[in-house]
Amino acid sequence: MPTIMNSLPDPLPEFFDCGCSDIYYCPRSRDVECPQHSGFDVCCDALDQHILLHV
């Protein structure tokens, strides 16, 4: 099973800044997500690996 590093890519993938303070990067989907908007919990089953971003 591959190990997922708990670090952010540089640069981050482009994402829509919805203005929420709890935006996360998902290392599995390699995408930035917000729990307040759709799609947050459908990318994978490893929510504990999401990395909080402060925008």
PDB file of N, CA and C in Angstrom:
ATOM      1  N   MET A   1       0.846  -1.180   0.000  1.00  0.00           N
ATOM      2  CA  MET A   1       0.000   0.000   0.000  1.00  0.00           C
ATOM      3  C   MET A   1       0.889   1.239   0.000  1.00  0.00           C
ATOM      4  N   PRO A   2       0.666   2.201  -0.907  1.00  0.00           N
ATOM      5  CA  PRO A   2       1.519   3.385  -0.979  1.00  0.00           C
ATOM      6  C   PRO A   2       1.322   4.291   0.229  1.00  0.00           C
ATOM      7  N   THR A   3       2.412   4.924   0.629  1.00  0.00           N
ATOM      8  CA  THR A   3       2.359   5.872   1.734  1.00  0.00           C
ATOM      9  C   THR A   3       2.030   7.247   1.194  1.00  0.00           C
ATOM     10  N   ILE A   4       1.107   7.937   1.853  1.00  0.00           N
ATOM     11  CA  ILE A   4       0.751   9.295   1.448  1.00  0.00           C
ATOM     12  C   ILE A   4       1.453  10.259   2.386  1.00  0.00           C
ATOM     13  N   MET A   5       2.245  11.145   1.820  1.00  0.00           N
ATOM     14  CA  MET A   5       2.986  12.096   2.623  1.00  0.00           C
ATOM     15  C   MET A   5       2.042  13.205   3.076  1.00  0.00           C
ATOM     16  N   ASN A   6       2.225  13.661   4.287  1.00  0.00           N
ATOM     17  CA  ASN A   6       1.394  14.711   4.849  1.00  0.00           C
ATOM     18  C   ASN A   6       2.015  16.073   4.557  1.00  0.00           C
ATOM     19  N   SER A   7       2.171  16.382   3.265  1.00  0.00           N
ATOM     20  CA  SER A   7       2.744  17.659   2.872  1.00  0.00           C
ATOM     21  C   SER A   7       1.990  18.198   1.664  1.00  0.00           C
ATOM     22  N   LEU A   8       2.109  19.480   1.476  1.00  0.00           N
ATOM     23  CA  LEU A   8       1.393  20.146   0.386  1.00  0.00           C
ATOM     24  C   LEU A   8       2.252  20.194  -0.864  1.00  0.00           C
ATOM     25  N   PRO A   9       1.629  20.058  -2.027  1.00  0.00           N
ATOM     26  CA  PRO A   9       2.380  20.209  -3.268  1.00  0.00           C
ATOM     27  C   PRO A   9       2.693  21.687  -3.502  1.00  0.00           C
ATOM     28  N   ASP A  10       3.755  21.925  -4.219  1.00  0.00           N
ATOM     29  CA  ASP A  10       4.109  23.305  -4.560  1.00  0.00           C
ATOM     30  C   ASP A  10       4.311  23.366  -6.064  1.00  0.00           C
ATOM     31  N   PRO A  11       3.446  24.051  -6.761  1.00  0.00           N
ATOM     32  CA  PRO A  11       2.328  24.864  -6.274  1.00  0.00           C
ATOM     33  C   PRO A  11       1.089  24.012  -6.007  1.00  0.00           C
ATOM     34  N   LEU A  12       0.158  24.586  -5.262  1.00  0.00           N
ATOM     35  CA  LEU A  12      -1.131  23.933  -5.029  1.00  0.00           C
ATOM     36  C   LEU A  12      -1.901  23.874  -6.339  1.00  0.00           C
ATOM     37  N   PRO A  13      -2.767  22.880  -6.496  1.00  0.00           N
ATOM     38  CA  PRO A  13      -3.625  22.869  -7.686  1.00  0.00           C
ATOM     39  C   PRO A  13      -4.548  24.084  -7.655  1.00  0.00           C
ATOM     40  N   GLU A  14      -4.954  24.542  -8.822  1.00  0.00           N
ATOM     41  CA  GLU A  14      -5.883  25.667  -8.879  1.00  0.00           C
ATOM     42  C   GLU A  14      -7.193  25.266  -8.233  1.00  0.00           C
ATOM     43  N   PHE A  15      -7.772  26.179  -7.463  1.00  0.00           N
ATOM     44  CA  PHE A  15      -9.052  25.906  -6.830  1.00  0.00           C
ATOM     45  C   PHE A  15      -9.819  27.200  -6.645  1.00  0.00           C
ATOM     46  N   PHE A  16     -11.121  27.076  -6.496  1.00  0.00           N
ATOM     47  CA  PHE A  16     -11.987  28.214  -6.261  1.00  0.00           C
ATOM     48  C   PHE A  16     -11.945  28.563  -4.786  1.00  0.00           C
ATOM     49  N   ASP A  17     -11.540  29.785  -4.464  1.00  0.00           N
ATOM     50  CA  ASP A  17     -11.503  30.230  -3.077  1.00  0.00           C
ATOM     51  C   ASP A  17     -12.909  30.654  -2.681  1.00  0.00           C
ATOM     52  N   CYS A  18     -13.597  29.769  -1.973  1.00  0.00           N
ATOM     53  CA  CYS A  18     -14.994  30.010  -1.599  1.00  0.00           C
ATOM     54  C   CYS A  18     -15.107  30.968  -0.421  1.00  0.00           C
ATOM     55  N   GLY A  19     -13.981  31.306   0.207  1.00  0.00           N
ATOM     56  CA  GLY A  19     -13.990  32.215   1.338  1.00  0.00           C
ATOM     57  C   GLY A  19     -14.113  31.524   2.681  1.00  0.00           C
ATOM     58  N   CYS A  20     -14.300  30.219   2.683  1.00  0.00           N
ATOM     59  CA  CYS A  20     -14.410  29.480   3.939  1.00  0.00           C
ATOM     60  C   CYS A  20     -13.030  29.342   4.579  1.00  0.00           C
ATOM     61  N   SER A  21     -13.010  29.260   5.902  1.00  0.00           N
ATOM     62  CA  SER A  21     -11.727  29.150   6.595  1.00  0.00           C
ATOM     63  C   SER A  21     -11.260  27.706   6.732  1.00  0.00           C
ATOM     64  N   ASP A  22     -12.117  26.761   6.395  1.00  0.00           N
ATOM     65  CA  ASP A  22     -11.744  25.347   6.531  1.00  0.00           C
ATOM     66  C   ASP A  22     -11.673  24.667   5.168  1.00  0.00           C
ATOM     67  N   ILE A  23     -10.680  25.065   4.401  1.00  0.00           N
ATOM     68  CA  ILE A  23     -10.414  24.472   3.089  1.00  0.00           C
ATOM     69  C   ILE A  23      -9.275  23.474   3.278  1.00  0.00           C
ATOM     70  N   TYR A  24      -9.413  22.295   2.648  1.00  0.00           N
ATOM     71  CA  TYR A  24      -8.447  21.218   2.832  1.00  0.00           C
ATOM     72  C   TYR A  24      -7.848  20.769   1.504  1.00  0.00           C
ATOM     73  N   TYR A  25      -6.621  20.282   1.585  1.00  0.00           N
ATOM     74  CA  TYR A  25      -5.993  19.607   0.452  1.00  0.00           C
ATOM     75  C   TYR A  25      -6.095  18.103   0.700  1.00  0.00           C
ATOM     76  N   CYS A  26      -6.565  17.365  -0.305  1.00  0.00           N
ATOM     77  CA  CYS A  26      -6.667  15.914  -0.204  1.00  0.00           C
ATOM     78  C   CYS A  26      -5.517  15.288  -0.983  1.00  0.00           C
ATOM     79  N   PRO A  27      -4.597  14.605  -0.302  1.00  0.00           N
ATOM     80  CA  PRO A  27      -3.462  14.009  -0.998  1.00  0.00           C
ATOM     81  C   PRO A  27      -3.849  12.879  -1.944  1.00  0.00           C
ATOM     82  N   ARG A  28      -4.943  12.193  -1.688  1.00  0.00           N
ATOM     83  CA  ARG A  28      -5.352  11.096  -2.580  1.00  0.00           C
ATOM     84  C   ARG A  28      -5.906  11.617  -3.896  1.00  0.00           C
ATOM     85  N   SER A  29      -6.805  12.594  -3.820  1.00  0.00           N
ATOM     86  CA  SER A  29      -7.396  13.117  -5.053  1.00  0.00           C
ATOM     87  C   SER A  29      -6.552  14.231  -5.660  1.00  0.00           C
ATOM     88  N   ARG A  30      -5.575  14.706  -4.878  1.00  0.00           N
ATOM     89  CA  ARG A  30      -4.714  15.824  -5.294  1.00  0.00           C
ATOM     90  C   ARG A  30      -5.558  17.043  -5.649  1.00  0.00           C
ATOM     91  N   ASP A  31      -6.533  17.319  -4.785  1.00  0.00           N
ATOM     92  CA  ASP A  31      -7.445  18.422  -5.032  1.00  0.00           C
ATOM     93  C   ASP A  31      -7.687  19.182  -3.734  1.00  0.00           C
ATOM     94  N   VAL A  32      -8.106  20.437  -3.871  1.00  0.00           N
ATOM     95  CA  VAL A  32      -8.450  21.269  -2.730  1.00  0.00           C
ATOM     96  C   VAL A  32      -9.963  21.243  -2.579  1.00  0.00           C
ATOM     97  N   GLU A  33     -10.417  21.035  -1.338  1.00  0.00           N
ATOM     98  CA  GLU A  33     -11.841  20.820  -1.094  1.00  0.00           C
ATOM     99  C   GLU A  33     -12.305  21.602   0.121  1.00  0.00           C
ATOM    100  N   CYS A  34     -13.606  21.841   0.181  1.00  0.00           N
ATOM    101  CA  CYS A  34     -14.205  22.555   1.303  1.00  0.00           C
ATOM    102  C   CYS A  34     -15.375  21.736   1.835  1.00  0.00           C
ATOM    103  N   PRO A  35     -15.416  21.468   3.145  1.00  0.00           N
ATOM    104  CA  PRO A  35     -16.512  20.671   3.691  1.00  0.00           C
ATOM    105  C   PRO A  35     -17.858  21.382   3.640  1.00  0.00           C
ATOM    106  N   GLN A  36     -17.855  22.681   3.437  1.00  0.00           N
ATOM    107  CA  GLN A  36     -19.104  23.438   3.364  1.00  0.00           C
ATOM    108  C   GLN A  36     -19.749  23.340   1.980  1.00  0.00           C
ATOM    109  N   HIS A  37     -19.018  22.802   1.010  1.00  0.00           N
ATOM    110  CA  HIS A  37     -19.506  22.716  -0.365  1.00  0.00           C
ATOM    111  C   HIS A  37     -19.493  21.261  -0.831  1.00  0.00           C
ATOM    112  N   SER A  38     -20.179  20.973  -1.874  1.00  0.00           N
ATOM    113  CA  SER A  38     -20.351  19.593  -2.322  1.00  0.00           C
ATOM    114  C   SER A  38     -19.034  18.944  -2.738  1.00  0.00           C
ATOM    115  N   GLY A  39     -18.976  17.638  -2.586  1.00  0.00           N
ATOM    116  CA  GLY A  39     -17.838  16.872  -3.056  1.00  0.00           C
ATOM    117  C   GLY A  39     -16.774  16.599  -2.026  1.00  0.00           C
ATOM    118  N   PHE A  40     -16.867  17.201  -0.848  1.00  0.00           N
ATOM    119  CA  PHE A  40     -15.781  17.073   0.128  1.00  0.00           C
ATOM    120  C   PHE A  40     -15.547  15.637   0.566  1.00  0.00           C
ATOM    121  N   ASP A  41     -16.614  14.907   0.844  1.00  0.00           N
ATOM    122  CA  ASP A  41     -16.451  13.569   1.389  1.00  0.00           C
ATOM    123  C   ASP A  41     -16.604  12.464   0.356  1.00  0.00           C
ATOM    124  N   VAL A  42     -16.597  12.812  -0.919  1.00  0.00           N
ATOM    125  CA  VAL A  42     -16.729  11.785  -1.943  1.00  0.00           C
ATOM    126  C   VAL A  42     -15.419  11.496  -2.665  1.00  0.00           C
ATOM    127  N   CYS A  43     -14.365  12.229  -2.369  1.00  0.00           N
ATOM    128  CA  CYS A  43     -13.102  12.018  -3.081  1.00  0.00           C
ATOM    129  C   CYS A  43     -12.432  10.726  -2.632  1.00  0.00           C
ATOM    130  N   CYS A  44     -12.552  10.426  -1.349  1.00  0.00           N
ATOM    131  CA  CYS A  44     -11.905   9.245  -0.821  1.00  0.00           C
ATOM    132  C   CYS A  44     -12.449   8.955   0.573  1.00  0.00           C
ATOM    133  N   ASP A  45     -11.972   7.882   1.166  1.00  0.00           N
ATOM    134  CA  ASP A  45     -12.422   7.539   2.507  1.00  0.00           C
ATOM    135  C   ASP A  45     -11.363   7.859   3.556  1.00  0.00           C
ATOM    136  N   ALA A  46     -10.437   8.744   3.242  1.00  0.00           N
ATOM    137  CA  ALA A  46      -9.347   9.072   4.156  1.00  0.00           C
ATOM    138  C   ALA A  46      -9.407  10.539   4.580  1.00  0.00           C
ATOM    139  N   LEU A  47     -10.536  10.934   5.153  1.00  0.00           N
ATOM    140  CA  LEU A  47     -10.690  12.326   5.576  1.00  0.00           C
ATOM    141  C   LEU A  47      -9.652  12.722   6.618  1.00  0.00           C
ATOM    142  N   ASP A  48      -9.144  11.759   7.365  1.00  0.00           N
ATOM    143  CA  ASP A  48      -8.131  12.042   8.381  1.00  0.00           C
ATOM    144  C   ASP A  48      -6.791  12.451   7.767  1.00  0.00           C
ATOM    145  N   GLN A  49      -6.613  12.225   6.470  1.00  0.00           N
ATOM    146  CA  GLN A  49      -5.369  12.594   5.802  1.00  0.00           C
ATOM    147  C   GLN A  49      -5.460  13.955   5.115  1.00  0.00           C
ATOM    148  N   HIS A  50      -6.631  14.579   5.133  1.00  0.00           N
ATOM    149  CA  HIS A  50      -6.770  15.902   4.540  1.00  0.00           C
ATOM    150  C   HIS A  50      -5.951  16.916   5.339  1.00  0.00           C
ATOM    151  N   ILE A  51      -5.352  17.862   4.644  1.00  0.00           N
ATOM    152  CA  ILE A  51      -4.477  18.852   5.258  1.00  0.00           C
ATOM    153  C   ILE A  51      -5.183  20.200   5.216  1.00  0.00           C
ATOM    154  N   LEU A  52      -5.360  20.818   6.387  1.00  0.00           N
ATOM    155  CA  LEU A  52      -6.042  22.095   6.484  1.00  0.00           C
ATOM    156  C   LEU A  52      -5.197  23.201   5.842  1.00  0.00           C
ATOM    157  N   LEU A  53      -5.824  24.007   4.999  1.00  0.00           N
ATOM    158  CA  LEU A  53      -5.179  25.161   4.386  1.00  0.00           C
ATOM    159  C   LEU A  53      -5.748  26.413   5.017  1.00  0.00           C
ATOM    160  N   HIS A  54      -4.965  27.429   5.118  1.00  0.00           N
ATOM    161  CA  HIS A  54      -5.453  28.729   5.573  1.00  0.00           C
ATOM    162  C   HIS A  54      -5.286  29.695   4.422  1.00  0.00           C
ATOM    163  N   VAL A  55      -6.400  30.164   3.880  1.00  0.00           N
ATOM    164  CA  VAL A  55      -6.348  31.085   2.736  1.00  0.00           C
ATOM    165  C   VAL A  55      -6.796  32.457   3.148  1.00  0.00           C
TER     166      VAL A  55
END
